[in-house]
């Protein structure tokens, strides 16, 4: 059961970070809107290179999480 949770976590992380690499400003606006709905507030990134580097790191994290979850499932 926990493997399915990590598989879904990896898919969400991979999808979010992939869209952040393709369309960074639109993805940030959507995430800011969701965070505002949850009660958090984040300012616009001052350095978009750092934002894209973090998105690339999240993409790798999501991919590794998916592979590990699939390996432990089967």
PDB file of N, CA and C in Angstrom:
ATOM      1  N   UNK A   1       0.822  -1.200   0.000  1.00  0.00           N
ATOM      2  CA  UNK A   1       0.000   0.000   0.000  1.00  0.00           C
ATOM      3  C   UNK A   1       0.865   1.262   0.000  1.00  0.00           C
ATOM      4  N   UNK A   2       1.940   1.228   0.789  1.00  0.00           N
ATOM      5  CA  UNK A   2       2.820   2.392   0.838  1.00  0.00           C
ATOM      6  C   UNK A   2       3.541   2.582  -0.492  1.00  0.00           C
ATOM      7  N   UNK A   3       3.757   1.473  -1.221  1.00  0.00           N
ATOM      8  CA  UNK A   3       4.403   1.578  -2.532  1.00  0.00           C
ATOM      9  C   UNK A   3       3.542   2.365  -3.509  1.00  0.00           C
ATOM     10  N   UNK A   4       2.246   2.176  -3.435  1.00  0.00           N
ATOM     11  CA  UNK A   4       1.331   2.912  -4.313  1.00  0.00           C
ATOM     12  C   UNK A   4       1.364   4.396  -3.971  1.00  0.00           C
ATOM     13  N   UNK A   5       1.449   4.713  -2.674  1.00  0.00           N
ATOM     14  CA  UNK A   5       1.555   6.116  -2.266  1.00  0.00           C
ATOM     15  C   UNK A   5       2.809   6.759  -2.850  1.00  0.00           C
ATOM     16  N   UNK A   6       3.938   6.064  -2.744  1.00  0.00           N
ATOM     17  CA  UNK A   6       5.180   6.618  -3.281  1.00  0.00           C
ATOM     18  C   UNK A   6       5.156   6.687  -4.804  1.00  0.00           C
ATOM     19  N   UNK A   7       4.481   5.747  -5.443  1.00  0.00           N
ATOM     20  CA  UNK A   7       4.331   5.810  -6.894  1.00  0.00           C
ATOM     21  C   UNK A   7       3.534   7.046  -7.289  1.00  0.00           C
ATOM     22  N   UNK A   8       2.445   7.307  -6.589  1.00  0.00           N
ATOM     23  CA  UNK A   8       1.645   8.500  -6.879  1.00  0.00           C
ATOM     24  C   UNK A   8       2.419   9.777  -6.557  1.00  0.00           C
ATOM     25  N   UNK A   9       3.168   9.772  -5.467  1.00  0.00           N
ATOM     26  CA  UNK A   9       4.001  10.925  -5.123  1.00  0.00           C
ATOM     27  C   UNK A   9       5.025  11.210  -6.218  1.00  0.00           C
ATOM     28  N   UNK A  10       5.648  10.170  -6.718  1.00  0.00           N
ATOM     29  CA  UNK A  10       6.622  10.336  -7.792  1.00  0.00           C
ATOM     30  C   UNK A  10       5.992  10.849  -9.071  1.00  0.00           C
ATOM     31  N   UNK A  11       4.802  10.359  -9.399  1.00  0.00           N
ATOM     32  CA  UNK A  11       4.107  10.815 -10.604  1.00  0.00           C
ATOM     33  C   UNK A  11       3.735  12.286 -10.480  1.00  0.00           C
ATOM     34  N   UNK A  12       3.228  12.679  -9.313  1.00  0.00           N
ATOM     35  CA  UNK A  12       2.857  14.087  -9.108  1.00  0.00           C
ATOM     36  C   UNK A  12       4.099  14.982  -9.171  1.00  0.00           C
ATOM     37  N   UNK A  13       5.172  14.581  -8.505  1.00  0.00           N
ATOM     38  CA  UNK A  13       6.405  15.379  -8.516  1.00  0.00           C
ATOM     39  C   UNK A  13       6.973  15.485  -9.928  1.00  0.00           C
ATOM     40  N   UNK A  14       6.989  14.379 -10.650  1.00  0.00           N
ATOM     41  CA  UNK A  14       7.518  14.382 -12.012  1.00  0.00           C
ATOM     42  C   UNK A  14       6.674  15.274 -12.917  1.00  0.00           C
ATOM     43  N   UNK A  15       5.353  15.156 -12.826  1.00  0.00           N
ATOM     44  CA  UNK A  15       4.461  15.949 -13.676  1.00  0.00           C
ATOM     45  C   UNK A  15       4.580  17.435 -13.371  1.00  0.00           C
ATOM     46  N   UNK A  16       4.575  17.782 -12.087  1.00  0.00           N
ATOM     47  CA  UNK A  16       4.679  19.193 -11.710  1.00  0.00           C
ATOM     48  C   UNK A  16       6.006  19.790 -12.178  1.00  0.00           C
ATOM     49  N   UNK A  17       7.089  19.094 -11.922  1.00  0.00           N
ATOM     50  CA  UNK A  17       8.405  19.633 -12.275  1.00  0.00           C
ATOM     51  C   UNK A  17       8.616  19.668 -13.782  1.00  0.00           C
ATOM     52  N   UNK A  18       8.036  18.719 -14.513  1.00  0.00           N
ATOM     53  CA  UNK A  18       8.131  18.748 -15.970  1.00  0.00           C
ATOM     54  C   UNK A  18       7.407  19.968 -16.519  1.00  0.00           C
ATOM     55  N   UNK A  19       6.220  20.254 -15.981  1.00  0.00           N
ATOM     56  CA  UNK A  19       5.499  21.443 -16.445  1.00  0.00           C
ATOM     57  C   UNK A  19       6.212  22.720 -16.003  1.00  0.00           C
ATOM     58  N   UNK A  20       6.889  22.675 -14.849  1.00  0.00           N
ATOM     59  CA  UNK A  20       7.643  23.850 -14.396  1.00  0.00           C
ATOM     60  C   UNK A  20       8.829  24.131 -15.309  1.00  0.00           C
ATOM     61  N   UNK A  21       9.399  23.091 -15.884  1.00  0.00           N
ATOM     62  CA  UNK A  21      10.496  23.308 -16.823  1.00  0.00           C
ATOM     63  C   UNK A  21       9.990  23.835 -18.163  1.00  0.00           C
ATOM     64  N   UNK A  22       8.811  23.382 -18.580  1.00  0.00           N
ATOM     65  CA  UNK A  22       8.275  23.819 -19.871  1.00  0.00           C
ATOM     66  C   UNK A  22       7.690  25.226 -19.811  1.00  0.00           C
ATOM     67  N   UNK A  23       6.912  25.495 -18.771  1.00  0.00           N
ATOM     68  CA  UNK A  23       6.247  26.797 -18.633  1.00  0.00           C
ATOM     69  C   UNK A  23       6.403  27.279 -17.199  1.00  0.00           C
ATOM     70  N   UNK A  24       7.553  27.844 -16.853  1.00  0.00           N
ATOM     71  CA  UNK A  24       7.837  28.155 -15.446  1.00  0.00           C
ATOM     72  C   UNK A  24       6.901  29.185 -14.828  1.00  0.00           C
ATOM     73  N   UNK A  25       6.607  30.266 -15.527  1.00  0.00           N
ATOM     74  CA  UNK A  25       5.795  31.320 -14.908  1.00  0.00           C
ATOM     75  C   UNK A  25       4.355  30.859 -14.699  1.00  0.00           C
ATOM     76  N   UNK A  26       3.780  30.169 -15.678  1.00  0.00           N
ATOM     77  CA  UNK A  26       2.403  29.700 -15.542  1.00  0.00           C
ATOM     78  C   UNK A  26       2.285  28.653 -14.439  1.00  0.00           C
ATOM     79  N   UNK A  27       3.287  27.777 -14.332  1.00  0.00           N
ATOM     80  CA  UNK A  27       3.274  26.762 -13.278  1.00  0.00           C
ATOM     81  C   UNK A  27       3.414  27.411 -11.912  1.00  0.00           C
ATOM     82  N   UNK A  28       4.273  28.438 -11.810  1.00  0.00           N
ATOM     83  CA  UNK A  28       4.422  29.125 -10.533  1.00  0.00           C
ATOM     84  C   UNK A  28       3.116  29.808 -10.139  1.00  0.00           C
ATOM     85  N   UNK A  29       2.424  30.440 -11.100  1.00  0.00           N
ATOM     86  CA  UNK A  29       1.153  31.104 -10.789  1.00  0.00           C
ATOM     87  C   UNK A  29       0.118  30.096 -10.300  1.00  0.00           C
ATOM     88  N   UNK A  30       0.049  28.926 -10.940  1.00  0.00           N
ATOM     89  CA  UNK A  30      -0.903  27.899 -10.517  1.00  0.00           C
ATOM     90  C   UNK A  30      -0.562  27.390  -9.119  1.00  0.00           C
ATOM     91  N   UNK A  31       0.723  27.183  -8.844  1.00  0.00           N
ATOM     92  CA  UNK A  31       1.139  26.730  -7.514  1.00  0.00           C
ATOM     93  C   UNK A  31       0.870  27.798  -6.467  1.00  0.00           C
ATOM     94  N   UNK A  32       1.082  29.071  -6.817  1.00  0.00           N
ATOM     95  CA  UNK A  32       0.811  30.159  -5.873  1.00  0.00           C
ATOM     96  C   UNK A  32      -0.675  30.248  -5.565  1.00  0.00           C
ATOM     97  N   UNK A  33      -1.513  29.998  -6.568  1.00  0.00           N
ATOM     98  CA  UNK A  33      -2.958  30.023  -6.350  1.00  0.00           C
ATOM     99  C   UNK A  33      -3.381  28.886  -5.415  1.00  0.00           C
ATOM    100  N   UNK A  34      -2.810  27.695  -5.617  1.00  0.00           N
ATOM    101  CA  UNK A  34      -3.108  26.563  -4.739  1.00  0.00           C
ATOM    102  C   UNK A  34      -2.609  26.833  -3.325  1.00  0.00           C
ATOM    103  N   UNK A  35      -1.407  27.388  -3.198  1.00  0.00           N
ATOM    104  CA  UNK A  35      -0.869  27.700  -1.870  1.00  0.00           C
ATOM    105  C   UNK A  35      -1.690  28.772  -1.169  1.00  0.00           C
ATOM    106  N   UNK A  36      -2.206  29.748  -1.913  1.00  0.00           N
ATOM    107  CA  UNK A  36      -3.066  30.773  -1.310  1.00  0.00           C
ATOM    108  C   UNK A  36      -4.356  30.145  -0.805  1.00  0.00           C
ATOM    109  N   UNK A  37      -4.875  29.186  -1.543  1.00  0.00           N
ATOM    110  CA  UNK A  37      -6.093  28.490  -1.117  1.00  0.00           C
ATOM    111  C   UNK A  37      -5.830  27.697   0.161  1.00  0.00           C
ATOM    112  N   UNK A  38      -4.606  27.167   0.300  1.00  0.00           N
ATOM    113  CA  UNK A  38      -4.239  26.414   1.498  1.00  0.00           C
ATOM    114  C   UNK A  38      -3.828  27.318   2.658  1.00  0.00           C
ATOM    115  N   UNK A  39      -3.680  28.623   2.397  1.00  0.00           N
ATOM    116  CA  UNK A  39      -3.344  29.564   3.460  1.00  0.00           C
ATOM    117  C   UNK A  39      -1.895  29.995   3.486  1.00  0.00           C
ATOM    118  N   UNK A  40      -1.120  29.633   2.479  1.00  0.00           N
ATOM    119  CA  UNK A  40       0.288  30.020   2.404  1.00  0.00           C
ATOM    120  C   UNK A  40       0.447  31.095   1.340  1.00  0.00           C
ATOM    121  N   UNK A  41       1.496  31.887   1.476  1.00  0.00           N
ATOM    122  CA  UNK A  41       1.758  32.919   0.482  1.00  0.00           C
ATOM    123  C   UNK A  41       3.244  32.925   0.139  1.00  0.00           C
ATOM    124  N   UNK A  42       3.532  32.885  -1.147  1.00  0.00           N
ATOM    125  CA  UNK A  42       4.909  32.912  -1.625  1.00  0.00           C
ATOM    126  C   UNK A  42       5.059  34.040  -2.625  1.00  0.00           C
ATOM    127  N   UNK A  43       6.182  34.728  -2.541  1.00  0.00           N
ATOM    128  CA  UNK A  43       6.466  35.792  -3.497  1.00  0.00           C
ATOM    129  C   UNK A  43       7.003  35.189  -4.792  1.00  0.00           C
ATOM    130  N   UNK A  44       6.921  35.993  -5.842  1.00  0.00           N
ATOM    131  CA  UNK A  44       7.459  35.546  -7.128  1.00  0.00           C
ATOM    132  C   UNK A  44       8.970  35.370  -7.004  1.00  0.00           C
ATOM    133  N   UNK A  45       9.497  34.283  -7.582  1.00  0.00           N
ATOM    134  CA  UNK A  45      10.946  34.067  -7.489  1.00  0.00           C
ATOM    135  C   UNK A  45      11.724  35.221  -8.125  1.00  0.00           C
ATOM    136  N   UNK A  46      12.755  35.662  -7.434  1.00  0.00           N
ATOM    137  CA  UNK A  46      13.585  36.738  -7.977  1.00  0.00           C
ATOM    138  C   UNK A  46      14.610  36.187  -8.970  1.00  0.00           C
ATOM    139  N   UNK A  47      14.985  34.947  -8.770  1.00  0.00           N
ATOM    140  CA  UNK A  47      15.979  34.316  -9.627  1.00  0.00           C
ATOM    141  C   UNK A  47      15.351  33.081 -10.271  1.00  0.00           C
ATOM    142  N   UNK A  48      14.946  33.201 -11.514  1.00  0.00           N
ATOM    143  CA  UNK A  48      14.261  32.095 -12.186  1.00  0.00           C
ATOM    144  C   UNK A  48      15.197  30.932 -12.476  1.00  0.00           C
ATOM    145  N   UNK A  49      16.511  31.185 -12.531  1.00  0.00           N
ATOM    146  CA  UNK A  49      17.451  30.085 -12.741  1.00  0.00           C
ATOM    147  C   UNK A  49      17.415  29.112 -11.568  1.00  0.00           C
ATOM    148  N   UNK A  50      17.326  29.646 -10.358  1.00  0.00           N
ATOM    149  CA  UNK A  50      17.225  28.794  -9.172  1.00  0.00           C
ATOM    150  C   UNK A  50      15.927  28.004  -9.189  1.00  0.00           C
ATOM    151  N   UNK A  51      14.843  28.640  -9.611  1.00  0.00           N
ATOM    152  CA  UNK A  51      13.543  27.966  -9.707  1.00  0.00           C
ATOM    153  C   UNK A  51      13.621  26.812 -10.701  1.00  0.00           C
ATOM    154  N   UNK A  52      14.240  27.052 -11.847  1.00  0.00           N
ATOM    155  CA  UNK A  52      14.365  26.001 -12.859  1.00  0.00           C
ATOM    156  C   UNK A  52      15.307  24.895 -12.393  1.00  0.00           C
ATOM    157  N   UNK A  53      16.366  25.254 -11.662  1.00  0.00           N
ATOM    158  CA  UNK A  53      17.269  24.240 -11.115  1.00  0.00           C
ATOM    159  C   UNK A  53      16.530  23.355 -10.112  1.00  0.00           C
ATOM    160  N   UNK A  54      15.690  23.972  -9.268  1.00  0.00           N
ATOM    161  CA  UNK A  54      14.893  23.199  -8.312  1.00  0.00           C
ATOM    162  C   UNK A  54      13.886  22.316  -9.036  1.00  0.00           C
ATOM    163  N   UNK A  55      13.308  22.814 -10.124  1.00  0.00           N
ATOM    164  CA  UNK A  55      12.366  22.006 -10.901  1.00  0.00           C
ATOM    165  C   UNK A  55      13.076  20.812 -11.532  1.00  0.00           C
ATOM    166  N   UNK A  56      14.291  21.015 -12.001  1.00  0.00           N
ATOM    167  CA  UNK A  56      15.058  19.909 -12.572  1.00  0.00           C
ATOM    168  C   UNK A  56      15.399  18.877 -11.498  1.00  0.00           C
ATOM    169  N   UNK A  57      15.754  19.348 -10.309  1.00  0.00           N
ATOM    170  CA  UNK A  57      16.014  18.432  -9.198  1.00  0.00           C
ATOM    171  C   UNK A  57      14.770  17.661  -8.795  1.00  0.00           C
ATOM    172  N   UNK A  58      13.617  18.329  -8.799  1.00  0.00           N
ATOM    173  CA  UNK A  58      12.361  17.647  -8.500  1.00  0.00           C
ATOM    174  C   UNK A  58      11.996  16.631  -9.557  1.00  0.00           C
ATOM    175  N   UNK A  59      12.357  16.915 -10.808  1.00  0.00           N
ATOM    176  CA  UNK A  59      12.121  15.975 -11.900  1.00  0.00           C
ATOM    177  C   UNK A  59      12.919  14.695 -11.676  1.00  0.00           C
ATOM    178  N   UNK A  60      14.167  14.846 -11.277  1.00  0.00           N
ATOM    179  CA  UNK A  60      15.002  13.678 -10.983  1.00  0.00           C
ATOM    180  C   UNK A  60      14.463  12.935  -9.763  1.00  0.00           C
ATOM    181  N   UNK A  61      14.053  13.676  -8.720  1.00  0.00           N
ATOM    182  CA  UNK A  61      13.472  13.051  -7.531  1.00  0.00           C
ATOM    183  C   UNK A  61      12.225  12.253  -7.898  1.00  0.00           C
ATOM    184  N   UNK A  62      11.346  12.841  -8.710  1.00  0.00           N
ATOM    185  CA  UNK A  62      10.123  12.142  -9.119  1.00  0.00           C
ATOM    186  C   UNK A  62      10.426  10.885  -9.899  1.00  0.00           C
ATOM    187  N   UNK A  63      11.399  10.951 -10.796  1.00  0.00           N
ATOM    188  CA  UNK A  63      11.759   9.786 -11.600  1.00  0.00           C
ATOM    189  C   UNK A  63      12.340   8.674 -10.735  1.00  0.00           C
ATOM    190  N   UNK A  64      13.216   9.032  -9.803  1.00  0.00           N
ATOM    191  CA  UNK A  64      13.795   8.028  -8.899  1.00  0.00           C
ATOM    192  C   UNK A  64      12.712   7.412  -8.021  1.00  0.00           C
ATOM    193  N   UNK A  65      11.787   8.233  -7.526  1.00  0.00           N
ATOM    194  CA  UNK A  65      10.702   7.724  -6.686  1.00  0.00           C
ATOM    195  C   UNK A  65       9.822   6.754  -7.462  1.00  0.00           C
ATOM    196  N   UNK A  66       9.526   7.069  -8.715  1.00  0.00           N
ATOM    197  CA  UNK A  66       8.714   6.171  -9.544  1.00  0.00           C
ATOM    198  C   UNK A  66       9.431   4.843  -9.755  1.00  0.00           C
ATOM    199  N   UNK A  67      10.721   4.892 -10.074  1.00  0.00           N
ATOM    200  CA  UNK A  67      11.481   3.662 -10.325  1.00  0.00           C
ATOM    201  C   UNK A  67      11.563   2.804  -9.066  1.00  0.00           C
ATOM    202  N   UNK A  68      11.845   3.418  -7.929  1.00  0.00           N
ATOM    203  CA  UNK A  68      11.942   2.655  -6.677  1.00  0.00           C
ATOM    204  C   UNK A  68      10.591   2.053  -6.299  1.00  0.00           C
ATOM    205  N   UNK A  69       9.507   2.817  -6.462  1.00  0.00           N
ATOM    206  CA  UNK A  69       8.177   2.297  -6.127  1.00  0.00           C
ATOM    207  C   UNK A  69       7.797   1.148  -7.050  1.00  0.00           C
ATOM    208  N   UNK A  70       8.086   1.270  -8.335  1.00  0.00           N
ATOM    209  CA  UNK A  70       7.772   0.177  -9.262  1.00  0.00           C
ATOM    210  C   UNK A  70       8.623  -1.052  -8.978  1.00  0.00           C
ATOM    211  N   UNK A  71       9.874  -0.844  -8.604  1.00  0.00           N
ATOM    212  CA  UNK A  71      10.750  -1.967  -8.277  1.00  0.00           C
ATOM    213  C   UNK A  71      10.245  -2.711  -7.044  1.00  0.00           C
ATOM    214  N   UNK A  72       9.794  -1.986  -6.043  1.00  0.00           N
ATOM    215  CA  UNK A  72       9.326  -2.651  -4.826  1.00  0.00           C
ATOM    216  C   UNK A  72       7.924  -3.239  -4.999  1.00  0.00           C
ATOM    217  N   UNK A  73       7.161  -2.724  -5.965  1.00  0.00           N
ATOM    218  CA  UNK A  73       5.841  -3.298  -6.222  1.00  0.00           C
ATOM    219  C   UNK A  73       5.941  -4.667  -6.874  1.00  0.00           C
ATOM    220  N   UNK A  74       6.905  -4.803  -7.772  1.00  0.00           N
ATOM    221  CA  UNK A  74       7.023  -6.065  -8.517  1.00  0.00           C
ATOM    222  C   UNK A  74       8.200  -6.805  -8.008  1.00  0.00           C
TER     223      UNK A  74
END
